Structure formats: structure tokens, C-alpha cells
Amino acid sequence: MNEKKERLVIDGNAFYEIDIECEKKKKRQQQEEKVRKNNQKRQRG
């Protein structure tokens, strides 16, 4: 079975192909950064 590697986004007259693996990686990094910031707040307070 073929797995989708891109997602098509249409915004008005523009369209974008979003790489799904890149999007997952970015979301994972954002989540890790959020956890890091929360841990730092706990250590200070």
C-alpha cells in the first residue's frame, strides 16, 4: 500500500505541497520545546 508523502493545501489562487514527514518533525520539535519550557518554569518556581 502506498503511503502519502505530501499534503496539498489550496489557499485562494495559491497551492502548496506540504511534506508530511517534515510537518511531523516540526510538530515533534515544537512539542519538545514546549515540554522544555515547562520544565524550566518548574525548576525556577
C-alpha atoms as a PDB file:
ATOM      1  CA  MET A   1       0.000   0.000   0.000  1.00  0.00           C
ATOM      2  CA  ASN A   2       1.325   3.440  -0.930  1.00  0.00           C
ATOM      3  CA  GLU A   3       1.669   5.910   1.898  1.00  0.00           C
ATOM      4  CA  LYS A   4       1.002   9.592   1.201  1.00  0.00           C
ATOM      5  CA  LYS A   5       4.146  11.670   1.451  1.00  0.00           C
ATOM      6  CA  GLU A   6       2.654  15.064   0.686  1.00  0.00           C
ATOM      7  CA  ARG A   7      -0.451  17.041   1.509  1.00  0.00           C
ATOM      8  CA  LEU A   8      -1.977  19.540  -0.894  1.00  0.00           C
ATOM      9  CA  VAL A   9      -3.131  22.852   0.590  1.00  0.00           C
ATOM     10  CA  ILE A  10      -5.129  25.307  -1.509  1.00  0.00           C
ATOM     11  CA  ASP A  11      -5.272  28.921  -0.326  1.00  0.00           C
ATOM     12  CA  GLY A  12      -7.155  31.161  -2.743  1.00  0.00           C
ATOM     13  CA  ASN A  13      -5.240  31.055  -6.021  1.00  0.00           C
ATOM     14  CA  ALA A  14      -2.119  29.573  -4.406  1.00  0.00           C
ATOM     15  CA  PHE A  15      -1.480  25.929  -3.678  1.00  0.00           C
ATOM     16  CA  TYR A  16       1.215  24.252  -1.633  1.00  0.00           C
ATOM     17  CA  GLU A  17       2.505  20.712  -1.355  1.00  0.00           C
ATOM     18  CA  ILE A  18       3.429  20.049   2.270  1.00  0.00           C
ATOM     19  CA  ASP A  19       5.865  17.225   3.012  1.00  0.00           C
ATOM     20  CA  ILE A  20       4.131  15.139   5.686  1.00  0.00           C
ATOM     21  CA  GLU A  21       7.345  13.840   7.283  1.00  0.00           C
ATOM     22  CA  CYS A  22       8.693  17.382   7.545  1.00  0.00           C
ATOM     23  CA  GLU A  23       5.413  18.535   9.091  1.00  0.00           C
ATOM     24  CA  LYS A  24       5.525  15.693  11.654  1.00  0.00           C
ATOM     25  CA  LYS A  25       9.141  16.520  12.509  1.00  0.00           C
ATOM     26  CA  LYS A  26       8.305  20.200  13.014  1.00  0.00           C
ATOM     27  CA  LYS A  27       5.330  19.380  15.274  1.00  0.00           C
ATOM     28  CA  ARG A  28       7.509  16.982  17.298  1.00  0.00           C
ATOM     29  CA  GLN A  29      10.171  19.679  17.736  1.00  0.00           C
ATOM     30  CA  GLN A  30       7.552  22.229  18.811  1.00  0.00           C
ATOM     31  CA  GLN A  31       6.149  19.793  21.368  1.00  0.00           C
ATOM     32  CA  GLU A  32       9.628  19.052  22.726  1.00  0.00           C
ATOM     33  CA  GLU A  33      10.331  22.781  23.022  1.00  0.00           C
ATOM     34  CA  LYS A  34       7.054  23.275  24.904  1.00  0.00           C
ATOM     35  CA  VAL A  35       7.987  20.490  27.343  1.00  0.00           C
ATOM     36  CA  ARG A  36      11.459  22.009  27.826  1.00  0.00           C
ATOM     37  CA  LYS A  37       9.980  25.425  28.628  1.00  0.00           C
ATOM     38  CA  ASN A  38       7.524  23.911  31.124  1.00  0.00           C
ATOM     39  CA  ASN A  39      10.372  22.025  32.821  1.00  0.00           C
ATOM     40  CA  GLN A  40      12.407  25.204  33.095  1.00  0.00           C
ATOM     41  CA  LYS A  41       9.463  27.045  34.697  1.00  0.00           C
ATOM     42  CA  ARG A  42       9.082  24.257  37.272  1.00  0.00           C
ATOM     43  CA  GLN A  43      12.769  24.355  38.175  1.00  0.00           C
ATOM     44  CA  ARG A  44      12.654  28.135  38.726  1.00  0.00           C
ATOM     45  CA  GLY A  45       9.422  28.248  40.697  1.00  0.00           C
END
